[in-house]
Each structure stands twice: as structure tokens, then as C-alpha cells.
Amino acid sequence: MIDEFAKDDLRKRLRRNREALLWKLDGLSEYDTRRPLTVTGTNLLGLVKHVASVEARYFGEVFDRPSPEPLPRWQDHDGSDLWATENETRDQIIGFYRRTWEHSDATINELPLDAPGHVPWWPEPSPNTNLFAVMVHVLSESVRHAGHADILREGLDGRTGLRAEHEQRIDEEARAAHCAKIEQAARSAAPIRA
């Protein structure tokens, strides 16, 4: 009974983070979803593509249930899952992510939490694992990248939050006052040296 409760809870949390990550794309131009927003090139659509690839691998290859989506061999990983090419559309990447959810959810639904899996890209001694550990790992990845997306989106237009229904109207004056208070505290704690 506890296994089904744990599985259901992890599945719900994973679904919530999937939706949050896609919500970060809402209302943005094609350029803003793709452009590099950090010095390492991190971008919103690339985060979606990356998380889709992570899910496809972990809930596919790890349990000998390969994704129906074409994926390069994990040994050939070159970082191309972190950004969208000019030939990939937003709809294609979102569609890939949604189809990956279906495949991932089928794996989660069909296997028990202690189902054995093998992660060849994990170093010894831990490549042998189980569905529970993979669910926790993938949930951690999705939380991490949804957080990245939240910060990137805040930098673009100030919008923050986990879900649209919890979003509050942006009060620019209140935000500016809050940031000024934090800046003052930082300067007072560690004076800037000339």
C-alpha cells in the first residue's frame, strides 16, 4: 500500500513540474523561448527539450523500454538536447515532451517501484537501480530545471511562479523597493571596496 501511495505522490509531483516547465513558454515570442539567457547558453525551449530527453532515457532505456522517439545514443551526447535548432519548432519540442510523458507514465504505471533498472551512464558502483530511485532522480531533474526556467522567465518579463492560477499581478514599485532593501543589506554586510 505504501508503494502505491509513494508512486502516486511522485507521479503527481512530476506531472506538476512538467506543466510548470511548459507554462514558462506561454506568451513568449519564438526568439525569447530560444535565445541564450545565460553565459552558458541556457534557454527556455532548450530546457524543455533537455528534460524531455532525460525522461525519455530514464523511463525508457533504463528499464529496457526504449522511447518511441528517436534519440541519439547516450554515448554520443553532445549537448544538442539543450537548445533548439532553427529547424525545430516549439510545437515539435512540446509534442516530443508530451509524447515522452505518455511513455514515461506507461513505464511508471506498469512497473513496481522495486523494478530493476540499469543506468549505463552512472558510474560504478551504482548503475544498477530501481524505479523508485529513477523516479526520485527524474523528479529532482525536473524540479531543478523548472527552477532554472522560473528564473529565466523572471529575467525576461518579471513573471514568476509554479502555475498560472497562482500568479499575482506584478507590482513594479514594490519589487523595486524590495530589491533596494536587499541591495542595501548586501552593501552594509560587505562594503564594496574601490
N, C-alpha and C. Protein backbone atom coordinates (compact mmCIF):
# COMPACT_ATOMS: atom_id res chain seq x y z
N MET A 1 0.82 -1.19 0.00
CA MET A 1 0.00 0.00 0.00
C MET A 1 0.86 1.26 0.00
N ILE A 2 1.92 1.26 0.82
CA ILE A 2 2.79 2.44 0.85
C ILE A 2 3.48 2.64 -0.50
N ASP A 3 3.78 1.55 -1.20
CA ASP A 3 4.41 1.68 -2.52
C ASP A 3 3.50 2.43 -3.49
N GLU A 4 2.23 2.10 -3.51
CA GLU A 4 1.31 2.78 -4.42
C GLU A 4 1.12 4.24 -4.03
N PHE A 5 1.09 4.51 -2.73
CA PHE A 5 1.00 5.89 -2.28
C PHE A 5 2.23 6.67 -2.72
N ALA A 6 3.42 6.10 -2.50
CA ALA A 6 4.67 6.78 -2.89
C ALA A 6 4.73 6.99 -4.40
N LYS A 7 4.38 5.97 -5.15
CA LYS A 7 4.40 6.08 -6.61
C LYS A 7 3.45 7.16 -7.09
N ASP A 8 2.24 7.17 -6.54
CA ASP A 8 1.24 8.15 -6.94
C ASP A 8 1.70 9.57 -6.59
N ASP A 9 2.29 9.74 -5.41
CA ASP A 9 2.76 11.06 -5.00
C ASP A 9 3.90 11.54 -5.91
N LEU A 10 4.86 10.69 -6.19
CA LEU A 10 5.96 11.06 -7.08
C LEU A 10 5.45 11.40 -8.48
N ARG A 11 4.50 10.59 -8.97
CA ARG A 11 3.92 10.83 -10.30
C ARG A 11 3.22 12.18 -10.36
N LYS A 12 2.44 12.52 -9.33
CA LYS A 12 1.74 13.81 -9.30
C LYS A 12 2.73 14.96 -9.28
N ARG A 13 3.79 14.84 -8.50
CA ARG A 13 4.79 15.91 -8.42
C ARG A 13 5.52 16.06 -9.76
N LEU A 14 5.81 14.96 -10.42
CA LEU A 14 6.45 15.01 -11.72
C LEU A 14 5.53 15.71 -12.73
N ARG A 15 4.27 15.36 -12.73
CA ARG A 15 3.31 16.00 -13.65
C ARG A 15 3.21 17.50 -13.41
N ARG A 16 3.17 17.89 -12.14
CA ARG A 16 3.09 19.32 -11.80
C ARG A 16 4.31 20.07 -12.34
N ASN A 17 5.48 19.49 -12.22
CA ASN A 17 6.68 20.15 -12.71
C ASN A 17 6.75 20.17 -14.23
N ARG A 18 6.23 19.14 -14.87
CA ARG A 18 6.17 19.15 -16.33
C ARG A 18 5.33 20.34 -16.81
N GLU A 19 4.15 20.48 -16.22
CA GLU A 19 3.27 21.57 -16.62
C GLU A 19 3.88 22.93 -16.32
N ALA A 20 4.57 23.05 -15.18
CA ALA A 20 5.21 24.32 -14.83
C ALA A 20 6.27 24.69 -15.85
N LEU A 21 7.04 23.72 -16.28
CA LEU A 21 8.09 23.99 -17.26
C LEU A 21 7.49 24.48 -18.58
N LEU A 22 6.42 23.86 -19.02
CA LEU A 22 5.78 24.32 -20.27
C LEU A 22 5.13 25.68 -20.10
N TRP A 23 4.59 25.96 -18.92
CA TRP A 23 3.95 27.25 -18.67
C TRP A 23 4.95 28.38 -18.84
N LYS A 24 6.21 28.13 -18.58
CA LYS A 24 7.22 29.19 -18.71
C LYS A 24 7.38 29.67 -20.15
N LEU A 25 6.87 28.91 -21.12
CA LEU A 25 6.93 29.31 -22.53
C LEU A 25 5.74 30.17 -22.94
N ASP A 26 4.66 30.11 -22.18
CA ASP A 26 3.41 30.78 -22.56
C ASP A 26 3.61 32.28 -22.78
N GLY A 27 3.11 32.74 -23.90
CA GLY A 27 3.09 34.17 -24.19
C GLY A 27 4.41 34.75 -24.66
N LEU A 28 5.43 33.93 -24.79
CA LEU A 28 6.73 34.45 -25.24
C LEU A 28 6.87 34.32 -26.75
N SER A 29 7.65 35.20 -27.32
CA SER A 29 7.96 35.13 -28.75
C SER A 29 8.85 33.92 -29.02
N GLU A 30 8.92 33.54 -30.27
CA GLU A 30 9.79 32.43 -30.66
C GLU A 30 11.24 32.74 -30.27
N TYR A 31 11.65 33.95 -30.48
CA TYR A 31 13.01 34.37 -30.13
C TYR A 31 13.27 34.23 -28.63
N ASP A 32 12.35 34.74 -27.82
CA ASP A 32 12.57 34.70 -26.37
C ASP A 32 12.57 33.28 -25.81
N THR A 33 11.88 32.34 -26.43
CA THR A 33 11.92 30.96 -25.94
C THR A 33 13.25 30.29 -26.27
N ARG A 34 13.95 30.79 -27.29
CA ARG A 34 15.16 30.13 -27.79
C ARG A 34 16.47 30.82 -27.45
N ARG A 35 16.42 32.11 -27.20
CA ARG A 35 17.68 32.84 -27.08
C ARG A 35 18.44 32.48 -25.81
N PRO A 36 19.76 32.52 -25.90
CA PRO A 36 20.56 32.21 -24.71
C PRO A 36 20.37 33.30 -23.67
N LEU A 37 20.06 32.87 -22.45
CA LEU A 37 19.79 33.82 -21.38
C LEU A 37 20.83 33.76 -20.26
N THR A 38 21.84 32.93 -20.44
CA THR A 38 22.97 32.87 -19.52
C THR A 38 24.24 32.77 -20.37
N VAL A 39 25.38 32.91 -19.74
CA VAL A 39 26.65 32.83 -20.49
C VAL A 39 26.91 31.43 -21.01
N THR A 40 26.23 30.43 -20.48
CA THR A 40 26.39 29.07 -20.98
C THR A 40 25.36 28.71 -22.04
N GLY A 41 24.50 29.66 -22.38
CA GLY A 41 23.51 29.44 -23.44
C GLY A 41 22.18 28.88 -22.97
N THR A 42 21.96 28.78 -21.67
CA THR A 42 20.70 28.23 -21.18
C THR A 42 19.53 29.04 -21.72
N ASN A 43 18.51 28.32 -22.19
CA ASN A 43 17.33 28.96 -22.78
C ASN A 43 16.10 28.13 -22.45
N LEU A 44 14.93 28.74 -22.52
CA LEU A 44 13.71 28.08 -22.07
C LEU A 44 13.31 26.87 -22.91
N LEU A 45 13.32 27.01 -24.21
CA LEU A 45 12.91 25.88 -25.05
C LEU A 45 13.93 24.75 -24.95
N GLY A 46 15.20 25.09 -24.79
CA GLY A 46 16.23 24.08 -24.59
C GLY A 46 16.03 23.30 -23.30
N LEU A 47 15.58 23.98 -22.25
CA LEU A 47 15.30 23.27 -21.00
C LEU A 47 14.19 22.24 -21.20
N VAL A 48 13.15 22.62 -21.95
CA VAL A 48 12.07 21.67 -22.22
C VAL A 48 12.60 20.48 -23.01
N LYS A 49 13.38 20.75 -24.04
CA LYS A 49 13.94 19.68 -24.86
C LYS A 49 14.84 18.76 -24.02
N HIS A 50 15.65 19.35 -23.15
CA HIS A 50 16.55 18.58 -22.30
C HIS A 50 15.78 17.69 -21.33
N VAL A 51 14.79 18.25 -20.66
CA VAL A 51 14.03 17.45 -19.69
C VAL A 51 13.27 16.33 -20.40
N ALA A 52 12.78 16.58 -21.60
CA ALA A 52 12.13 15.53 -22.38
C ALA A 52 13.12 14.41 -22.68
N SER A 53 14.32 14.77 -23.06
CA SER A 53 15.35 13.76 -23.35
C SER A 53 15.73 12.97 -22.10
N VAL A 54 15.84 13.66 -20.97
CA VAL A 54 16.16 12.99 -19.70
C VAL A 54 15.08 11.97 -19.38
N GLU A 55 13.83 12.38 -19.43
CA GLU A 55 12.73 11.45 -19.15
C GLU A 55 12.72 10.28 -20.12
N ALA A 56 12.93 10.58 -21.40
CA ALA A 56 12.90 9.51 -22.40
C ALA A 56 13.96 8.45 -22.11
N ARG A 57 15.13 8.90 -21.69
CA ARG A 57 16.21 7.95 -21.39
C ARG A 57 15.95 7.18 -20.10
N TYR A 58 15.61 7.91 -19.04
CA TYR A 58 15.48 7.24 -17.74
C TYR A 58 14.28 6.30 -17.67
N PHE A 59 13.15 6.69 -18.24
CA PHE A 59 11.99 5.82 -18.17
C PHE A 59 11.90 4.90 -19.39
N GLY A 60 12.87 5.01 -20.28
CA GLY A 60 12.93 4.16 -21.46
C GLY A 60 14.08 3.18 -21.37
N GLU A 61 15.26 3.65 -21.76
CA GLU A 61 16.43 2.77 -21.84
C GLU A 61 16.75 2.07 -20.53
N VAL A 62 16.62 2.77 -19.42
CA VAL A 62 16.99 2.22 -18.11
C VAL A 62 16.19 0.96 -17.79
N PHE A 63 14.96 0.89 -18.27
CA PHE A 63 14.09 -0.25 -18.00
C PHE A 63 13.83 -1.10 -19.24
N ASP A 64 14.73 -0.97 -20.21
CA ASP A 64 14.63 -1.73 -21.46
C ASP A 64 13.27 -1.53 -22.13
N ARG A 65 12.83 -0.27 -22.11
CA ARG A 65 11.58 0.14 -22.74
C ARG A 65 11.90 1.37 -23.60
N PRO A 66 12.70 1.20 -24.64
CA PRO A 66 13.19 2.35 -25.41
C PRO A 66 12.06 3.29 -25.84
N SER A 67 12.39 4.55 -25.83
CA SER A 67 11.46 5.57 -26.26
C SER A 67 11.10 5.37 -27.72
N PRO A 68 9.83 5.57 -28.07
CA PRO A 68 9.47 5.51 -29.49
C PRO A 68 10.03 6.70 -30.26
N GLU A 69 10.49 7.73 -29.54
CA GLU A 69 11.09 8.91 -30.18
C GLU A 69 12.55 8.61 -30.51
N PRO A 70 13.02 9.07 -31.66
CA PRO A 70 14.44 8.84 -31.96
C PRO A 70 15.32 9.67 -31.03
N LEU A 71 16.29 9.01 -30.43
CA LEU A 71 17.26 9.66 -29.55
C LEU A 71 18.66 9.25 -29.99
N PRO A 72 19.61 10.17 -29.93
CA PRO A 72 20.98 9.74 -30.20
C PRO A 72 21.43 8.81 -29.07
N ARG A 73 22.42 7.98 -29.36
CA ARG A 73 22.95 7.12 -28.31
C ARG A 73 23.48 7.99 -27.17
N TRP A 74 23.29 7.54 -25.94
CA TRP A 74 23.74 8.34 -24.80
C TRP A 74 25.25 8.55 -24.86
N GLN A 75 25.97 7.61 -25.44
CA GLN A 75 27.43 7.75 -25.55
C GLN A 75 27.82 8.91 -26.47
N ASP A 76 26.91 9.29 -27.35
CA ASP A 76 27.18 10.36 -28.32
C ASP A 76 26.65 11.72 -27.86
N HIS A 77 26.29 11.84 -26.59
CA HIS A 77 25.73 13.09 -26.09
C HIS A 77 26.68 14.25 -26.38
N ASP A 78 26.16 15.29 -27.00
CA ASP A 78 26.99 16.43 -27.39
C ASP A 78 26.40 17.77 -26.94
N GLY A 79 25.37 17.72 -26.09
CA GLY A 79 24.76 18.96 -25.62
C GLY A 79 23.68 19.50 -26.53
N SER A 80 23.40 18.84 -27.63
CA SER A 80 22.40 19.35 -28.57
C SER A 80 20.98 19.26 -28.03
N ASP A 81 20.80 18.54 -26.92
CA ASP A 81 19.46 18.49 -26.31
C ASP A 81 19.20 19.71 -25.44
N LEU A 82 20.14 20.64 -25.38
CA LEU A 82 19.99 21.82 -24.52
C LEU A 82 19.57 23.08 -25.27
N TRP A 83 19.32 22.95 -26.57
CA TRP A 83 18.87 24.11 -27.33
C TRP A 83 18.12 23.63 -28.58
N ALA A 84 17.33 24.53 -29.13
CA ALA A 84 16.52 24.20 -30.31
C ALA A 84 17.20 24.76 -31.56
N THR A 85 17.33 23.91 -32.55
CA THR A 85 17.88 24.37 -33.82
C THR A 85 16.84 25.21 -34.56
N GLU A 86 17.28 25.90 -35.60
CA GLU A 86 16.33 26.72 -36.38
C GLU A 86 15.30 25.86 -37.10
N ASN A 87 15.58 24.56 -37.26
CA ASN A 87 14.65 23.67 -37.94
C ASN A 87 13.66 22.97 -37.00
N GLU A 88 13.84 23.14 -35.70
CA GLU A 88 12.94 22.54 -34.73
C GLU A 88 11.94 23.59 -34.28
N THR A 89 10.67 23.27 -34.34
CA THR A 89 9.66 24.24 -33.91
C THR A 89 9.33 24.04 -32.43
N ARG A 90 8.78 25.07 -31.85
CA ARG A 90 8.31 24.98 -30.47
C ARG A 90 7.31 23.84 -30.35
N ASP A 91 6.37 23.76 -31.29
CA ASP A 91 5.36 22.71 -31.25
C ASP A 91 5.97 21.32 -31.33
N GLN A 92 7.02 21.15 -32.13
CA GLN A 92 7.69 19.84 -32.22
C GLN A 92 8.30 19.45 -30.88
N ILE A 93 8.97 20.39 -30.25
CA ILE A 93 9.62 20.08 -28.97
C ILE A 93 8.60 19.84 -27.88
N ILE A 94 7.55 20.64 -27.83
CA ILE A 94 6.49 20.41 -26.85
C ILE A 94 5.81 19.08 -27.12
N GLY A 95 5.57 18.77 -28.38
CA GLY A 95 4.97 17.48 -28.74
C GLY A 95 5.85 16.31 -28.30
N PHE A 96 7.16 16.44 -28.52
CA PHE A 96 8.11 15.42 -28.07
C PHE A 96 8.01 15.24 -26.55
N TYR A 97 7.96 16.35 -25.84
CA TYR A 97 7.87 16.29 -24.38
C TYR A 97 6.58 15.61 -23.95
N ARG A 98 5.47 15.96 -24.56
CA ARG A 98 4.18 15.36 -24.17
C ARG A 98 4.13 13.86 -24.52
N ARG A 99 4.68 13.48 -25.67
CA ARG A 99 4.72 12.05 -26.02
C ARG A 99 5.64 11.30 -25.06
N THR A 100 6.70 11.96 -24.64
CA THR A 100 7.61 11.36 -23.66
C THR A 100 6.88 11.14 -22.34
N TRP A 101 6.03 12.09 -21.93
CA TRP A 101 5.24 11.92 -20.70
C TRP A 101 4.43 10.63 -20.79
N GLU A 102 3.78 10.44 -21.94
CA GLU A 102 2.94 9.24 -22.10
C GLU A 102 3.77 7.97 -21.94
N HIS A 103 4.93 7.96 -22.58
CA HIS A 103 5.80 6.79 -22.50
C HIS A 103 6.32 6.60 -21.07
N SER A 104 6.74 7.69 -20.44
CA SER A 104 7.23 7.64 -19.07
C SER A 104 6.14 7.16 -18.13
N ASP A 105 4.94 7.72 -18.27
CA ASP A 105 3.83 7.33 -17.40
C ASP A 105 3.46 5.87 -17.59
N ALA A 106 3.58 5.37 -18.81
CA ALA A 106 3.31 3.95 -19.05
C ALA A 106 4.32 3.09 -18.30
N THR A 107 5.58 3.48 -18.33
CA THR A 107 6.61 2.75 -17.59
C THR A 107 6.31 2.78 -16.10
N ILE A 108 6.00 3.97 -15.59
CA ILE A 108 5.70 4.13 -14.17
C ILE A 108 4.48 3.30 -13.78
N ASN A 109 3.44 3.31 -14.61
CA ASN A 109 2.21 2.59 -14.31
C ASN A 109 2.40 1.07 -14.34
N GLU A 110 3.23 0.61 -15.26
CA GLU A 110 3.34 -0.83 -15.47
C GLU A 110 4.36 -1.52 -14.57
N LEU A 111 5.30 -0.77 -14.01
CA LEU A 111 6.35 -1.40 -13.20
C LEU A 111 6.17 -1.12 -11.72
N PRO A 112 6.55 -2.08 -10.87
CA PRO A 112 6.54 -1.81 -9.43
C PRO A 112 7.73 -0.92 -9.06
N LEU A 113 7.65 -0.26 -7.92
CA LEU A 113 8.72 0.64 -7.51
C LEU A 113 10.07 -0.05 -7.38
N ASP A 114 10.07 -1.34 -7.09
CA ASP A 114 11.34 -2.05 -6.95
C ASP A 114 11.80 -2.71 -8.25
N ALA A 115 11.14 -2.38 -9.37
CA ALA A 115 11.55 -2.95 -10.66
C ALA A 115 13.01 -2.56 -10.94
N PRO A 116 13.84 -3.53 -11.30
CA PRO A 116 15.25 -3.22 -11.53
C PRO A 116 15.47 -2.46 -12.83
N GLY A 117 16.43 -1.56 -12.78
CA GLY A 117 16.83 -0.80 -13.94
C GLY A 117 18.34 -0.69 -13.97
N HIS A 118 18.87 -0.34 -15.12
CA HIS A 118 20.32 -0.20 -15.27
C HIS A 118 20.60 1.11 -16.00
N VAL A 119 21.38 1.99 -15.34
CA VAL A 119 21.74 3.29 -15.91
C VAL A 119 23.20 3.22 -16.33
N PRO A 120 23.47 2.92 -17.60
CA PRO A 120 24.86 2.72 -18.03
C PRO A 120 25.74 3.96 -17.91
N TRP A 121 25.14 5.14 -17.89
CA TRP A 121 25.94 6.36 -17.79
C TRP A 121 26.22 6.75 -16.33
N TRP A 122 25.68 6.01 -15.36
CA TRP A 122 26.04 6.24 -13.96
C TRP A 122 27.30 5.45 -13.66
N PRO A 123 28.24 6.05 -12.94
CA PRO A 123 29.49 5.34 -12.65
C PRO A 123 29.29 4.20 -11.64
N GLU A 124 30.21 3.27 -11.66
CA GLU A 124 30.22 2.19 -10.66
C GLU A 124 30.37 2.82 -9.29
N PRO A 125 29.79 2.33 -8.28
CA PRO A 125 29.09 1.04 -8.20
C PRO A 125 27.57 1.18 -8.31
N SER A 126 27.07 2.28 -8.85
CA SER A 126 25.62 2.48 -8.79
C SER A 126 24.83 2.46 -10.09
N PRO A 127 25.28 1.80 -11.16
CA PRO A 127 24.43 1.81 -12.36
C PRO A 127 23.18 0.95 -12.22
N ASN A 128 23.19 0.00 -11.29
CA ASN A 128 22.00 -0.83 -11.08
C ASN A 128 21.13 -0.14 -10.05
N THR A 129 19.86 0.03 -10.41
CA THR A 129 18.96 0.82 -9.58
C THR A 129 17.56 0.26 -9.68
N ASN A 130 16.56 1.05 -9.31
CA ASN A 130 15.17 0.60 -9.42
C ASN A 130 14.28 1.79 -9.79
N LEU A 131 13.01 1.49 -10.05
CA LEU A 131 12.09 2.53 -10.50
C LEU A 131 11.95 3.64 -9.47
N PHE A 132 11.90 3.31 -8.19
CA PHE A 132 11.77 4.34 -7.16
C PHE A 132 12.92 5.35 -7.26
N ALA A 133 14.14 4.86 -7.32
CA ALA A 133 15.31 5.74 -7.39
C ALA A 133 15.29 6.58 -8.66
N VAL A 134 14.87 6.01 -9.76
CA VAL A 134 14.81 6.75 -11.02
C VAL A 134 13.72 7.81 -10.95
N MET A 135 12.58 7.49 -10.36
CA MET A 135 11.52 8.49 -10.22
C MET A 135 12.00 9.68 -9.39
N VAL A 136 12.70 9.40 -8.30
CA VAL A 136 13.22 10.49 -7.46
C VAL A 136 14.25 11.29 -8.25
N HIS A 137 15.11 10.61 -8.99
CA HIS A 137 16.14 11.30 -9.78
C HIS A 137 15.51 12.20 -10.84
N VAL A 138 14.57 11.67 -11.59
CA VAL A 138 13.93 12.45 -12.66
C VAL A 138 13.11 13.60 -12.07
N LEU A 139 12.44 13.36 -10.96
CA LEU A 139 11.72 14.44 -10.30
C LEU A 139 12.70 15.54 -9.88
N SER A 140 13.84 15.17 -9.34
CA SER A 140 14.86 16.16 -8.96
C SER A 140 15.32 16.96 -10.17
N GLU A 141 15.54 16.29 -11.28
CA GLU A 141 15.95 16.97 -12.51
C GLU A 141 14.87 17.94 -12.98
N SER A 142 13.61 17.49 -12.92
CA SER A 142 12.53 18.37 -13.40
C SER A 142 12.36 19.57 -12.48
N VAL A 143 12.50 19.38 -11.18
CA VAL A 143 12.41 20.50 -10.24
C VAL A 143 13.54 21.49 -10.50
N ARG A 144 14.74 20.96 -10.65
CA ARG A 144 15.91 21.80 -10.90
C ARG A 144 15.73 22.66 -12.14
N HIS A 145 15.31 22.04 -13.22
CA HIS A 145 15.19 22.77 -14.47
C HIS A 145 13.95 23.68 -14.51
N ALA A 146 12.89 23.31 -13.81
CA ALA A 146 11.74 24.22 -13.69
C ALA A 146 12.16 25.47 -12.91
N GLY A 147 13.03 25.29 -11.93
CA GLY A 147 13.56 26.45 -11.20
C GLY A 147 14.41 27.33 -12.08
N HIS A 148 15.24 26.70 -12.92
CA HIS A 148 16.01 27.49 -13.89
C HIS A 148 15.06 28.28 -14.79
N ALA A 149 14.04 27.60 -15.28
CA ALA A 149 13.08 28.26 -16.18
C ALA A 149 12.37 29.42 -15.48
N ASP A 150 12.06 29.25 -14.21
CA ASP A 150 11.40 30.32 -13.46
C ASP A 150 12.28 31.56 -13.40
N ILE A 151 13.55 31.36 -13.13
CA ILE A 151 14.48 32.49 -13.05
C ILE A 151 14.67 33.13 -14.42
N LEU A 152 14.80 32.31 -15.45
CA LEU A 152 14.96 32.86 -16.80
C LEU A 152 13.74 33.68 -17.20
N ARG A 153 12.57 33.15 -16.92
CA ARG A 153 11.34 33.86 -17.28
C ARG A 153 11.22 35.16 -16.50
N GLU A 154 11.58 35.14 -15.23
CA GLU A 154 11.56 36.36 -14.42
C GLU A 154 12.46 37.42 -15.05
N GLY A 155 13.61 36.99 -15.57
CA GLY A 155 14.52 37.93 -16.21
C GLY A 155 13.97 38.51 -17.50
N LEU A 156 13.11 37.76 -18.18
CA LEU A 156 12.54 38.25 -19.43
C LEU A 156 11.42 39.26 -19.22
N ASP A 157 10.46 38.91 -18.36
CA ASP A 157 9.30 39.80 -18.22
C ASP A 157 8.77 39.91 -16.81
N GLY A 158 9.51 39.39 -15.84
CA GLY A 158 9.10 39.54 -14.45
C GLY A 158 8.13 38.50 -13.94
N ARG A 159 7.62 37.62 -14.83
CA ARG A 159 6.64 36.62 -14.40
C ARG A 159 7.33 35.50 -13.63
N THR A 160 6.73 35.12 -12.50
CA THR A 160 7.27 34.05 -11.67
C THR A 160 6.15 33.12 -11.25
N GLY A 161 6.52 32.01 -10.64
CA GLY A 161 5.54 31.12 -10.05
C GLY A 161 5.54 29.74 -10.66
N LEU A 162 4.81 28.86 -9.99
CA LEU A 162 4.73 27.47 -10.40
C LEU A 162 3.59 27.20 -11.37
N ARG A 163 2.48 27.91 -11.18
CA ARG A 163 1.32 27.68 -12.03
C ARG A 163 0.60 28.99 -12.30
N ALA A 164 -0.04 29.05 -13.42
CA ALA A 164 -0.74 30.27 -13.83
C ALA A 164 -1.79 30.70 -12.81
N GLU A 165 -2.49 29.75 -12.22
CA GLU A 165 -3.56 30.11 -11.30
C GLU A 165 -3.05 30.75 -10.00
N HIS A 166 -1.75 30.65 -9.73
CA HIS A 166 -1.18 31.27 -8.53
C HIS A 166 -0.40 32.55 -8.83
N GLU A 167 -0.35 32.91 -10.10
CA GLU A 167 0.41 34.10 -10.47
C GLU A 167 -0.31 35.36 -9.98
N GLN A 168 0.47 36.28 -9.46
CA GLN A 168 -0.08 37.55 -9.00
C GLN A 168 0.38 38.67 -9.91
N ARG A 169 -0.41 39.71 -9.96
CA ARG A 169 -0.07 40.88 -10.78
C ARG A 169 1.27 41.45 -10.32
N ILE A 170 2.09 41.86 -11.26
CA ILE A 170 3.41 42.39 -10.95
C ILE A 170 3.27 43.84 -10.47
N ASP A 171 3.79 44.10 -9.29
CA ASP A 171 3.82 45.45 -8.72
C ASP A 171 5.26 45.93 -8.82
N GLU A 172 5.55 46.69 -9.88
CA GLU A 172 6.93 47.12 -10.15
C GLU A 172 7.51 47.96 -9.01
N GLU A 173 6.71 48.84 -8.43
CA GLU A 173 7.20 49.68 -7.34
C GLU A 173 7.58 48.84 -6.12
N ALA A 174 6.73 47.87 -5.78
CA ALA A 174 7.00 47.01 -4.64
C ALA A 174 8.24 46.16 -4.89
N ARG A 175 8.38 45.65 -6.11
CA ARG A 175 9.58 44.86 -6.44
C ARG A 175 10.84 45.71 -6.35
N ALA A 176 10.79 46.90 -6.88
CA ALA A 176 11.96 47.79 -6.84
C ALA A 176 12.33 48.11 -5.40
N ALA A 177 11.35 48.38 -4.56
CA ALA A 177 11.62 48.68 -3.15
C ALA A 177 12.21 47.47 -2.44
N HIS A 178 11.68 46.31 -2.74
CA HIS A 178 12.19 45.07 -2.14
C HIS A 178 13.64 44.82 -2.55
N CYS A 179 13.94 44.97 -3.82
CA CYS A 179 15.32 44.78 -4.31
C CYS A 179 16.25 45.82 -3.72
N ALA A 180 15.79 47.04 -3.58
CA ALA A 180 16.63 48.09 -2.99
C ALA A 180 16.96 47.76 -1.53
N LYS A 181 15.99 47.22 -0.81
CA LYS A 181 16.21 46.82 0.59
C LYS A 181 17.27 45.71 0.67
N ILE A 182 17.18 44.75 -0.24
CA ILE A 182 18.15 43.64 -0.25
C ILE A 182 19.52 44.15 -0.65
N GLU A 183 19.58 45.04 -1.64
CA GLU A 183 20.85 45.63 -2.07
C GLU A 183 21.49 46.38 -0.92
N GLN A 184 20.71 47.16 -0.18
CA GLN A 184 21.24 47.90 0.97
C GLN A 184 21.80 46.96 2.03
N ALA A 185 21.09 45.89 2.30
CA ALA A 185 21.57 44.91 3.28
C ALA A 185 22.88 44.28 2.82
N ALA A 186 22.98 43.97 1.53
CA ALA A 186 24.21 43.38 1.00
C ALA A 186 25.38 44.35 1.10
N ARG A 187 25.14 45.59 0.74
CA ARG A 187 26.21 46.62 0.82
C ARG A 187 26.65 46.84 2.28
N SER A 188 25.71 46.85 3.19
CA SER A 188 26.04 47.06 4.60
C SER A 188 26.82 45.88 5.17
N ALA A 189 26.49 44.69 4.75
CA ALA A 189 27.16 43.49 5.26
C ALA A 189 28.57 43.33 4.68
N ALA A 190 28.75 43.74 3.45
CA ALA A 190 30.05 43.56 2.77
C ALA A 190 30.32 44.79 1.93
N PRO A 191 30.87 45.85 2.55
CA PRO A 191 31.10 47.09 1.81
C PRO A 191 31.93 46.85 0.55
N ILE A 192 31.53 47.54 -0.51
CA ILE A 192 32.23 47.44 -1.79
C ILE A 192 33.55 48.20 -1.66
N ARG A 193 34.63 47.55 -2.06
CA ARG A 193 35.96 48.16 -1.99
C ARG A 193 36.31 48.74 -3.35
N ALA A 194 36.91 49.90 -3.34
CA ALA A 194 37.28 50.57 -4.59
C ALA A 194 38.58 50.03 -5.13
